[in-house]
Amino acid sequence: MPILPAELLDESDSKETAYHQFLLDFQKSDSFIYNFLEGEEDIAYYQLRIRANAPGYHLKLYSCGGKSEVIELCDLIKSKAEYNEIRVTFFIDRDFDPIMNTPNIYETPYHSVENFFTDVETLEQVFRTLFRIRARSQDINACMELYLRLFNDYHDYVLPINAWYSCYIDKRNQNAIIQRVNMNELTKNLFLKVVGQDLNINRVHGITDFAELQLLFGNGVDIDEVTFNNKIEELRAVNPAHNFRGKFEIRFLASFLHVLKHRIEARNNNVCNGRYTCNHAFNAATTMELLYGFAYTPDCLREYIRRIAA
């Protein structure tokens, strides 16, 4: 059985398991590409793109448990001479962190993989393929206009929580955090039905100003209001669809598609002239699974995969 290096002995199960499986899989062969990713939800997205841009290779994919784990495994594997000749990829989300700019690691140009699913071209494919709305028709234009209106309203609604979280990440990167925040746990019930049946944004959660956010996340995190307000202005200057937290973006998309599906299945639906049916159910847990094939693929991702495969 392969012996794990000391660097991994007291680390998370996912990173340890990923490296252990890599040791079991490892072959000095030109026919394999070994791929390390943050989480299970990333595997399907990247696997499709690797197969499309590096055809003919046998793929091994490993979920490492997070961004820092992928980076640590990259450093470990690249430090060992026996792995110098293999083809190996590492994929991470940019998140709210500073850009890394390291050639060994692919870092999303958007906040995360999830942001690739809300792209306008992706939505147009979804309307055409899953809802069977004719391309360049008045109805597909109406659906897109509705999507963009609600997406803009949603970004206005979630600007404060994105600003607070970005401030928190800045503090964490400066090692200035006393109390850590489990964002996934604290926000798991937010934005699940954010698009209302009246085709407006449901602003039901108390997340619209600094005091409400401090209450939600705990006053133990030392973020001052001036820093928070500066971050608000900083985020106003960027494209929110690309730079806001991807997990929140996916929840909007799932809610929008769920409401749209039920609205345009009805006669006199006030969205489309025609009536359209869709055989899929959309929710926060399944929407990415349904749309992996439609999601945006950046040119820089194609170039990274082709460079590793060359």
Protein backbone atom coordinates (compact mmCIF):
# COMPACT_ATOMS: atom_id res chain seq x y z
CA MET A 1 0.00 0.00 0.00
CA PRO A 2 1.38 3.46 -0.84
CA ILE A 3 2.74 5.41 2.13
CA LEU A 4 1.31 8.91 2.51
CA PRO A 5 3.85 11.72 2.88
CA ALA A 6 4.11 13.50 6.21
CA GLU A 7 2.59 16.64 4.65
CA LEU A 8 -0.80 14.88 4.46
CA LEU A 9 -0.96 12.88 7.66
CA ASP A 10 -3.08 15.30 9.69
CA GLU A 11 -5.04 16.85 6.87
CA SER A 12 -8.62 16.52 5.66
CA ASP A 13 -9.94 13.16 4.53
CA SER A 14 -10.68 14.46 1.03
CA LYS A 15 -7.14 15.61 0.35
CA GLU A 16 -5.63 12.48 1.90
CA THR A 17 -8.05 10.27 -0.03
CA ALA A 18 -7.36 12.08 -3.30
CA TYR A 19 -3.60 11.71 -2.97
CA HIS A 20 -3.87 8.09 -1.84
CA GLN A 21 -6.04 7.28 -4.87
CA PHE A 22 -3.57 9.09 -7.13
CA LEU A 23 -0.75 6.90 -5.77
CA LEU A 24 -2.80 3.80 -6.50
CA ASP A 25 -3.69 5.02 -10.01
CA PHE A 26 -0.27 6.37 -10.95
CA GLN A 27 1.34 4.96 -14.07
CA LYS A 28 4.27 6.33 -16.04
CA SER A 29 2.22 6.38 -19.21
CA ASP A 30 1.51 9.01 -21.84
CA SER A 31 -2.11 7.89 -22.06
CA PHE A 32 -3.27 9.30 -18.71
CA ILE A 33 -4.20 12.76 -17.47
CA TYR A 34 -4.54 13.12 -13.68
CA ASN A 35 -6.94 15.88 -12.62
CA PHE A 36 -7.33 17.45 -9.18
CA LEU A 37 -10.46 19.50 -8.42
CA GLU A 38 -11.95 21.27 -5.42
CA GLY A 39 -15.17 19.26 -5.03
CA GLU A 40 -17.42 16.57 -6.44
CA GLU A 41 -19.69 19.17 -8.04
CA ASP A 42 -16.77 20.33 -10.25
CA ILE A 43 -16.00 16.94 -11.73
CA ALA A 44 -18.78 16.73 -14.32
CA TYR A 45 -18.12 20.27 -15.62
CA TYR A 46 -14.39 19.79 -16.06
CA GLN A 47 -14.57 16.20 -17.26
CA LEU A 48 -16.67 17.22 -20.26
CA ARG A 49 -14.22 19.98 -21.17
CA ILE A 50 -11.13 17.83 -20.69
CA ARG A 51 -12.57 15.11 -22.94
CA ALA A 52 -13.47 17.69 -25.59
CA ASN A 53 -10.05 19.36 -25.59
CA ALA A 54 -7.80 16.37 -24.86
CA PRO A 55 -9.50 13.47 -26.69
CA GLY A 56 -8.06 9.99 -26.46
CA TYR A 57 -6.62 10.21 -22.96
CA HIS A 58 -7.63 8.13 -19.95
CA LEU A 59 -8.81 10.51 -17.25
CA LYS A 60 -8.39 10.19 -13.50
CA LEU A 61 -10.31 12.79 -11.49
CA TYR A 62 -9.90 13.52 -7.80
CA SER A 63 -12.06 15.63 -5.48
CA CYS A 64 -9.72 17.25 -2.96
CA GLY A 65 -12.13 18.96 -0.55
CA GLY A 66 -11.41 22.60 -1.30
CA LYS A 67 -9.25 25.24 -2.94
CA SER A 68 -6.35 25.22 -0.49
CA GLU A 69 -6.23 21.44 -0.70
CA VAL A 70 -5.82 21.53 -4.49
CA ILE A 71 -3.03 24.11 -4.16
CA GLU A 72 -1.24 22.03 -1.52
CA LEU A 73 -1.46 18.88 -3.63
CA CYS A 74 -0.14 20.79 -6.63
CA ASP A 75 2.87 21.94 -4.61
CA LEU A 76 3.42 18.42 -3.33
CA ILE A 77 3.17 16.64 -6.69
CA LYS A 78 5.22 19.24 -8.55
CA SER A 79 7.96 18.93 -5.93
CA LYS A 80 8.54 15.23 -6.68
CA ALA A 81 10.81 14.33 -9.58
CA GLU A 82 9.00 11.05 -10.30
CA TYR A 83 5.96 13.04 -11.46
CA ASN A 84 7.80 15.48 -13.73
CA GLU A 85 6.83 13.73 -16.96
CA ILE A 86 3.15 13.02 -16.28
CA ARG A 87 0.19 15.05 -17.47
CA VAL A 88 -1.58 16.52 -14.46
CA THR A 89 -4.10 19.34 -14.06
CA PHE A 90 -5.26 21.36 -11.07
CA PHE A 91 -8.51 23.37 -11.08
CA ILE A 92 -9.58 26.02 -8.57
CA ASP A 93 -12.15 28.82 -8.27
CA ARG A 94 -10.87 32.38 -8.06
CA ASP A 95 -13.43 33.25 -5.35
CA PHE A 96 -12.82 36.63 -3.69
CA ASP A 97 -9.10 35.88 -3.38
CA PRO A 98 -6.25 37.66 -5.21
CA ILE A 99 -5.50 36.12 -8.61
CA MET A 100 -2.74 33.49 -8.36
CA ASN A 101 -1.32 33.54 -11.93
CA THR A 102 0.49 30.22 -11.64
CA PRO A 103 0.89 28.16 -14.84
CA ASN A 104 0.39 24.81 -13.11
CA ILE A 105 -3.10 25.65 -11.84
CA TYR A 106 -6.21 26.63 -13.77
CA GLU A 107 -8.05 29.40 -11.92
CA THR A 108 -11.51 30.45 -13.07
CA PRO A 109 -11.63 33.97 -14.58
CA TYR A 110 -15.02 34.34 -12.88
CA HIS A 111 -15.71 33.92 -9.18
CA SER A 112 -16.32 30.18 -9.55
CA VAL A 113 -17.47 27.42 -11.87
CA GLU A 114 -21.07 28.16 -10.89
CA ASN A 115 -20.85 31.57 -12.57
CA PHE A 116 -20.33 29.82 -15.93
CA PHE A 117 -23.92 28.55 -15.74
CA THR A 118 -25.62 31.96 -15.69
CA ASP A 119 -24.05 33.22 -18.92
CA VAL A 120 -26.50 34.69 -21.46
CA GLU A 121 -25.43 32.25 -24.19
CA THR A 122 -25.98 29.38 -21.77
CA LEU A 123 -29.50 30.57 -21.04
CA GLU A 124 -30.29 30.92 -24.73
CA GLN A 125 -29.26 27.28 -25.26
CA VAL A 126 -31.43 26.23 -22.32
CA PHE A 127 -34.45 28.07 -23.72
CA ARG A 128 -33.95 26.47 -27.14
CA THR A 129 -33.10 22.95 -26.02
CA LEU A 130 -34.95 22.26 -22.78
CA PHE A 131 -37.93 24.57 -23.31
CA ARG A 132 -37.97 24.11 -27.11
CA ILE A 133 -38.44 27.80 -27.84
CA ARG A 134 -37.49 28.71 -31.39
CA ALA A 135 -34.22 30.63 -31.82
CA ARG A 136 -34.48 34.34 -32.68
CA SER A 137 -38.21 34.27 -31.97
CA GLN A 138 -40.15 36.92 -30.10
CA ASP A 139 -40.74 34.43 -27.30
CA ILE A 140 -37.06 33.65 -26.73
CA ASN A 141 -36.35 37.38 -26.67
CA ALA A 142 -39.11 37.84 -24.08
CA CYS A 143 -37.63 35.11 -21.87
CA MET A 144 -34.19 36.64 -22.13
CA GLU A 145 -35.45 40.12 -21.31
CA LEU A 146 -37.23 38.73 -18.26
CA TYR A 147 -34.09 36.88 -17.18
CA LEU A 148 -31.88 39.95 -17.50
CA ARG A 149 -34.35 42.20 -15.64
CA LEU A 150 -34.64 39.79 -12.73
CA PHE A 151 -30.89 39.05 -12.72
CA ASN A 152 -30.15 42.77 -12.43
CA ASP A 153 -32.67 43.17 -9.61
CA TYR A 154 -31.23 40.13 -7.85
CA HIS A 155 -27.70 41.51 -8.03
CA ASP A 156 -28.88 44.72 -6.43
CA TYR A 157 -30.42 42.62 -3.64
CA VAL A 158 -27.34 40.44 -2.99
CA LEU A 159 -24.72 43.19 -3.37
CA PRO A 160 -24.45 43.75 0.42
CA ILE A 161 -23.96 40.09 1.32
CA ASN A 162 -21.32 39.72 -1.40
CA ALA A 163 -19.56 42.84 -0.11
CA TRP A 164 -19.59 41.56 3.47
CA TYR A 165 -18.25 38.17 2.44
CA SER A 166 -15.54 39.74 0.28
CA CYS A 167 -14.47 41.85 3.28
CA TYR A 168 -14.36 38.70 5.37
CA ILE A 169 -12.15 36.93 2.81
CA ASP A 170 -9.79 39.95 2.75
CA LYS A 171 -9.49 39.73 6.53
CA ARG A 172 -8.97 35.98 6.40
CA ASN A 173 -6.20 36.34 3.83
CA GLN A 174 -4.53 38.86 6.14
CA ASN A 175 -4.77 36.36 9.03
CA ALA A 176 -6.91 38.93 10.84
CA ILE A 177 -9.96 36.75 11.51
CA ILE A 178 -10.80 35.83 15.11
CA GLN A 179 -14.07 34.05 14.42
CA ARG A 180 -14.33 31.94 11.25
CA VAL A 181 -17.60 31.94 9.32
CA ASN A 182 -19.15 28.85 7.73
CA MET A 183 -20.77 30.66 4.81
CA ASN A 184 -22.26 27.50 3.33
CA GLU A 185 -24.02 26.60 6.56
CA LEU A 186 -25.22 30.08 7.49
CA THR A 187 -26.62 30.82 4.03
CA LYS A 188 -27.91 27.37 3.03
CA ASN A 189 -31.55 28.50 3.19
CA LEU A 190 -31.12 31.86 1.49
CA PHE A 191 -32.36 32.63 -2.04
CA LEU A 192 -33.95 29.22 -2.68
CA LYS A 193 -37.21 30.84 -3.87
CA VAL A 194 -35.85 34.25 -4.67
CA VAL A 195 -37.88 34.64 -7.88
CA GLY A 196 -41.53 35.06 -7.01
CA GLN A 197 -44.53 33.85 -8.95
CA ASP A 198 -45.26 37.52 -9.66
CA LEU A 199 -41.96 37.63 -11.60
CA ASN A 200 -40.21 39.87 -9.11
CA ILE A 201 -37.39 39.31 -6.63
CA ASN A 202 -38.50 38.14 -3.19
CA ARG A 203 -36.55 40.34 -0.79
CA VAL A 204 -37.53 38.40 2.31
CA HIS A 205 -34.19 37.99 4.08
CA GLY A 206 -32.58 40.57 6.36
CA ILE A 207 -29.35 40.98 4.40
CA THR A 208 -29.63 44.46 2.96
CA ASP A 209 -27.44 46.52 5.29
CA PHE A 210 -24.35 46.25 7.46
CA ALA A 211 -26.15 45.81 10.79
CA GLU A 212 -28.29 42.95 9.45
CA LEU A 213 -25.26 41.17 8.05
CA GLN A 214 -23.32 41.52 11.28
CA LEU A 215 -26.28 39.97 13.07
CA LEU A 216 -26.43 37.10 10.60
CA PHE A 217 -22.72 36.28 10.64
CA GLY A 218 -21.84 37.23 14.19
CA ASN A 219 -20.22 40.28 15.71
CA GLY A 220 -17.05 38.31 16.41
CA VAL A 221 -15.84 39.06 12.89
CA ASP A 222 -14.14 42.45 13.02
CA ILE A 223 -15.35 44.17 9.85
CA ASP A 224 -15.95 47.90 10.13
CA GLU A 225 -18.71 49.72 8.30
CA VAL A 226 -16.37 52.03 6.37
CA THR A 227 -14.54 49.03 4.88
CA PHE A 228 -17.89 47.45 4.08
CA ASN A 229 -19.15 50.58 2.30
CA ASN A 230 -15.93 50.84 0.30
CA LYS A 231 -16.36 47.23 -0.79
CA ILE A 232 -19.92 47.99 -1.90
CA GLU A 233 -18.56 50.64 -4.25
CA GLU A 234 -15.79 48.34 -5.45
CA LEU A 235 -18.29 45.62 -6.38
CA ARG A 236 -20.59 48.11 -8.11
CA ALA A 237 -17.78 48.66 -10.62
CA VAL A 238 -17.50 45.00 -11.71
CA ASN A 239 -19.75 42.62 -13.60
CA PRO A 240 -21.79 40.93 -10.85
CA ALA A 241 -22.61 37.86 -12.97
CA HIS A 242 -18.87 37.18 -13.17
CA ASN A 243 -17.73 38.34 -9.76
CA PHE A 244 -20.48 37.65 -7.21
CA ARG A 245 -20.47 34.43 -5.21
CA GLY A 246 -21.31 31.60 -7.59
CA LYS A 247 -23.39 29.56 -5.15
CA PHE A 248 -25.77 32.51 -4.81
CA GLU A 249 -25.88 32.92 -8.60
CA ILE A 250 -26.91 29.28 -9.09
CA ARG A 251 -29.76 29.67 -6.61
CA PHE A 252 -31.13 32.56 -8.61
CA LEU A 253 -30.84 30.57 -11.84
CA ALA A 254 -32.63 27.55 -10.35
CA SER A 255 -35.40 29.71 -8.94
CA PHE A 256 -35.82 31.60 -12.21
CA LEU A 257 -36.02 28.45 -14.34
CA HIS A 258 -38.47 26.85 -11.91
CA VAL A 259 -40.82 29.82 -12.07
CA LEU A 260 -40.42 30.28 -15.83
CA LYS A 261 -41.19 26.61 -16.48
CA HIS A 262 -44.49 26.78 -14.62
CA ARG A 263 -45.38 30.18 -16.04
CA ILE A 264 -44.92 29.38 -19.75
CA GLU A 265 -46.60 25.98 -19.49
CA ALA A 266 -49.85 27.85 -18.85
CA ARG A 267 -52.12 29.44 -21.41
CA ASN A 268 -52.15 33.24 -21.39
CA ASN A 269 -48.92 33.20 -19.38
CA ASN A 270 -48.01 36.88 -19.88
CA VAL A 271 -44.44 35.99 -20.84
CA CYS A 272 -44.62 34.24 -24.22
CA ASN A 273 -47.11 34.27 -27.04
CA GLY A 274 -46.83 30.50 -27.24
CA ARG A 275 -47.12 27.76 -24.65
CA TYR A 276 -44.05 25.65 -23.87
CA THR A 277 -43.39 22.56 -21.78
CA CYS A 278 -40.19 21.37 -20.16
CA ASN A 279 -39.67 17.86 -18.81
CA HIS A 280 -37.12 18.84 -16.18
CA ALA A 281 -37.50 20.08 -12.60
CA PHE A 282 -35.21 22.91 -11.49
CA ASN A 283 -33.98 23.40 -7.94
CA ALA A 284 -30.74 24.40 -6.23
CA ALA A 285 -29.60 20.79 -5.92
CA THR A 286 -30.17 19.63 -9.51
CA THR A 287 -29.84 22.64 -11.82
CA MET A 288 -26.09 22.34 -12.34
CA GLU A 289 -26.46 18.63 -13.12
CA LEU A 290 -28.97 19.46 -15.85
CA LEU A 291 -26.89 22.23 -17.39
CA TYR A 292 -23.28 20.95 -17.38
CA GLY A 293 -23.36 20.56 -21.14
CA PHE A 294 -24.67 24.10 -21.71
CA ALA A 295 -22.37 26.01 -19.36
CA TYR A 296 -19.87 28.54 -20.70
CA THR A 297 -16.34 27.32 -21.49
CA PRO A 298 -13.73 30.12 -21.34
CA ASP A 299 -11.00 30.15 -23.96
CA CYS A 300 -8.39 30.16 -21.20
CA LEU A 301 -9.73 26.79 -19.98
CA ARG A 302 -9.44 25.25 -23.44
CA GLU A 303 -5.90 26.61 -23.74
CA TYR A 304 -4.89 25.23 -20.33
CA ILE A 305 -6.19 21.74 -21.08
CA ARG A 306 -4.60 21.67 -24.55
CA ARG A 307 -1.26 22.84 -23.14
CA ILE A 308 -1.23 20.07 -20.54
CA ALA A 309 -2.28 17.47 -23.14
CA ALA A 310 0.30 18.55 -25.73
